Amino acid sequence: MERVLSLILIVVATAGLGGCGVAAFPVRTTSAAVKIVPVAGDVVAYPLDKTADAID
């Protein structure tokens, strides 16, 4: 049951993004996760942010 609810939530969230936003979503979430790492996180996240901007 939890998987079904998770899948529905993901589908609803990605439907709202539309177009290229769906393709940039994994890059943006990876960038957000990497930014948690102290010191190196921002350095590694910078190219990911630029890539997501280019996709959008």
N, C-alpha and C. Protein backbone atom coordinates (compact mmCIF):
# COMPACT_ATOMS: atom_id res chain seq x y z
N MET A 1 0.82 -1.19 0.00
CA MET A 1 0.00 0.00 0.00
C MET A 1 0.87 1.26 0.00
N GLU A 2 1.98 1.22 0.75
CA GLU A 2 2.87 2.37 0.79
C GLU A 2 3.48 2.65 -0.58
N ARG A 3 3.82 1.60 -1.30
CA ARG A 3 4.40 1.77 -2.63
C ARG A 3 3.42 2.43 -3.58
N VAL A 4 2.18 2.06 -3.48
CA VAL A 4 1.16 2.64 -4.36
C VAL A 4 1.01 4.12 -4.06
N LEU A 5 0.97 4.47 -2.79
CA LEU A 5 0.85 5.88 -2.42
C LEU A 5 2.08 6.68 -2.84
N SER A 6 3.25 6.07 -2.70
CA SER A 6 4.48 6.73 -3.14
C SER A 6 4.49 6.95 -4.65
N LEU A 7 4.05 5.95 -5.38
CA LEU A 7 4.00 6.07 -6.83
C LEU A 7 3.02 7.16 -7.25
N ILE A 8 1.87 7.20 -6.62
CA ILE A 8 0.88 8.24 -6.93
C ILE A 8 1.45 9.62 -6.64
N LEU A 9 2.14 9.78 -5.52
CA LEU A 9 2.74 11.06 -5.17
C LEU A 9 3.79 11.48 -6.19
N ILE A 10 4.61 10.53 -6.64
CA ILE A 10 5.62 10.84 -7.64
C ILE A 10 4.98 11.24 -8.96
N VAL A 11 3.95 10.52 -9.38
CA VAL A 11 3.28 10.84 -10.64
C VAL A 11 2.65 12.23 -10.58
N VAL A 12 1.99 12.54 -9.48
CA VAL A 12 1.36 13.86 -9.33
C VAL A 12 2.42 14.96 -9.32
N ALA A 13 3.52 14.73 -8.64
CA ALA A 13 4.58 15.73 -8.57
C ALA A 13 5.22 15.97 -9.93
N THR A 14 5.47 14.91 -10.69
CA THR A 14 6.11 15.08 -11.99
C THR A 14 5.13 15.63 -13.03
N ALA A 15 3.86 15.37 -12.88
CA ALA A 15 2.88 15.91 -13.82
C ALA A 15 2.84 17.43 -13.72
N GLY A 16 3.05 17.95 -12.54
CA GLY A 16 3.05 19.39 -12.36
C GLY A 16 4.28 20.07 -12.95
N LEU A 17 5.36 19.33 -13.11
CA LEU A 17 6.57 19.92 -13.65
C LEU A 17 6.46 20.19 -15.15
N GLY A 18 5.93 19.24 -15.87
CA GLY A 18 5.72 19.38 -17.31
C GLY A 18 7.00 19.56 -18.11
N GLY A 19 6.97 19.13 -19.33
CA GLY A 19 8.05 19.35 -20.30
C GLY A 19 9.43 18.96 -19.82
N CYS A 20 10.35 19.89 -19.94
CA CYS A 20 11.74 19.63 -19.60
C CYS A 20 11.97 19.52 -18.10
N GLY A 21 11.05 20.03 -17.32
CA GLY A 21 11.19 19.93 -15.88
C GLY A 21 11.26 18.50 -15.40
N VAL A 22 10.58 17.62 -16.11
CA VAL A 22 10.61 16.19 -15.75
C VAL A 22 12.02 15.64 -15.97
N ALA A 23 12.67 16.06 -17.03
CA ALA A 23 14.03 15.58 -17.30
C ALA A 23 15.04 16.19 -16.33
N ALA A 24 14.80 17.40 -15.87
CA ALA A 24 15.73 18.07 -14.96
C ALA A 24 15.53 17.65 -13.51
N PHE A 25 14.40 17.06 -13.19
CA PHE A 25 14.08 16.70 -11.81
C PHE A 25 15.13 15.80 -11.15
N PRO A 26 15.57 14.71 -11.81
CA PRO A 26 16.59 13.87 -11.16
C PRO A 26 17.91 14.61 -10.92
N VAL A 27 18.26 15.51 -11.83
CA VAL A 27 19.50 16.27 -11.66
C VAL A 27 19.36 17.23 -10.48
N ARG A 28 18.21 17.86 -10.37
CA ARG A 28 17.99 18.80 -9.26
C ARG A 28 17.96 18.08 -7.91
N THR A 29 17.35 16.92 -7.85
CA THR A 29 17.30 16.19 -6.58
C THR A 29 18.69 15.67 -6.20
N THR A 30 19.46 15.26 -7.17
CA THR A 30 20.84 14.83 -6.89
C THR A 30 21.66 16.00 -6.39
N SER A 31 21.48 17.15 -7.01
CA SER A 31 22.19 18.36 -6.58
C SER A 31 21.83 18.73 -5.15
N ALA A 32 20.56 18.65 -4.82
CA ALA A 32 20.12 18.97 -3.46
C ALA A 32 20.70 17.99 -2.45
N ALA A 33 20.78 16.72 -2.82
CA ALA A 33 21.34 15.72 -1.92
C ALA A 33 22.85 15.92 -1.73
N VAL A 34 23.54 16.32 -2.78
CA VAL A 34 24.98 16.52 -2.71
C VAL A 34 25.31 17.75 -1.87
N LYS A 35 24.46 18.76 -1.89
CA LYS A 35 24.72 19.98 -1.13
C LYS A 35 24.77 19.74 0.38
N ILE A 36 24.27 18.62 0.83
CA ILE A 36 24.29 18.30 2.26
C ILE A 36 25.71 18.01 2.73
N VAL A 37 26.57 17.53 1.84
CA VAL A 37 27.94 17.18 2.20
C VAL A 37 28.73 18.45 2.52
N PRO A 38 29.34 18.51 3.71
CA PRO A 38 30.10 19.71 4.08
C PRO A 38 31.30 19.92 3.15
N VAL A 39 31.65 21.14 2.94
CA VAL A 39 32.79 21.62 2.16
C VAL A 39 32.68 21.29 0.68
N ALA A 40 32.72 20.04 0.30
CA ALA A 40 32.74 19.66 -1.12
C ALA A 40 31.36 19.67 -1.75
N GLY A 41 30.30 19.70 -0.98
CA GLY A 41 28.95 19.60 -1.52
C GLY A 41 28.61 20.69 -2.50
N ASP A 42 28.93 21.94 -2.15
CA ASP A 42 28.61 23.05 -3.04
C ASP A 42 29.44 23.01 -4.32
N VAL A 43 30.67 22.56 -4.20
CA VAL A 43 31.54 22.47 -5.38
C VAL A 43 31.01 21.42 -6.36
N VAL A 44 30.58 20.30 -5.84
CA VAL A 44 30.06 19.22 -6.69
C VAL A 44 28.68 19.58 -7.22
N ALA A 45 27.88 20.29 -6.43
CA ALA A 45 26.52 20.62 -6.84
C ALA A 45 26.47 21.70 -7.92
N TYR A 46 27.48 22.54 -8.00
CA TYR A 46 27.47 23.64 -8.97
C TYR A 46 27.28 23.16 -10.41
N PRO A 47 28.06 22.18 -10.91
CA PRO A 47 27.83 21.73 -12.28
C PRO A 47 26.47 21.04 -12.47
N LEU A 48 25.99 20.40 -11.41
CA LEU A 48 24.67 19.77 -11.51
C LEU A 48 23.58 20.84 -11.64
N ASP A 49 23.71 21.93 -10.90
CA ASP A 49 22.74 23.02 -11.02
C ASP A 49 22.77 23.64 -12.41
N LYS A 50 23.97 23.82 -12.94
CA LYS A 50 24.10 24.39 -14.29
C LYS A 50 23.51 23.45 -15.35
N THR A 51 23.69 22.15 -15.16
CA THR A 51 23.13 21.18 -16.08
C THR A 51 21.62 21.22 -16.05
N ALA A 52 21.05 21.28 -14.84
CA ALA A 52 19.60 21.36 -14.71
C ALA A 52 19.06 22.65 -15.33
N ASP A 53 19.78 23.75 -15.16
CA ASP A 53 19.38 25.01 -15.79
C ASP A 53 19.40 24.89 -17.32
N ALA A 54 20.40 24.21 -17.84
CA ALA A 54 20.50 24.04 -19.30
C ALA A 54 19.37 23.18 -19.82
N ILE A 55 18.97 22.18 -19.06
CA ILE A 55 17.85 21.32 -19.49
C ILE A 55 16.55 22.12 -19.51
N ASP A 56 16.36 22.95 -18.49
CA ASP A 56 15.15 23.77 -18.45
C ASP A 56 15.21 24.80 -19.53
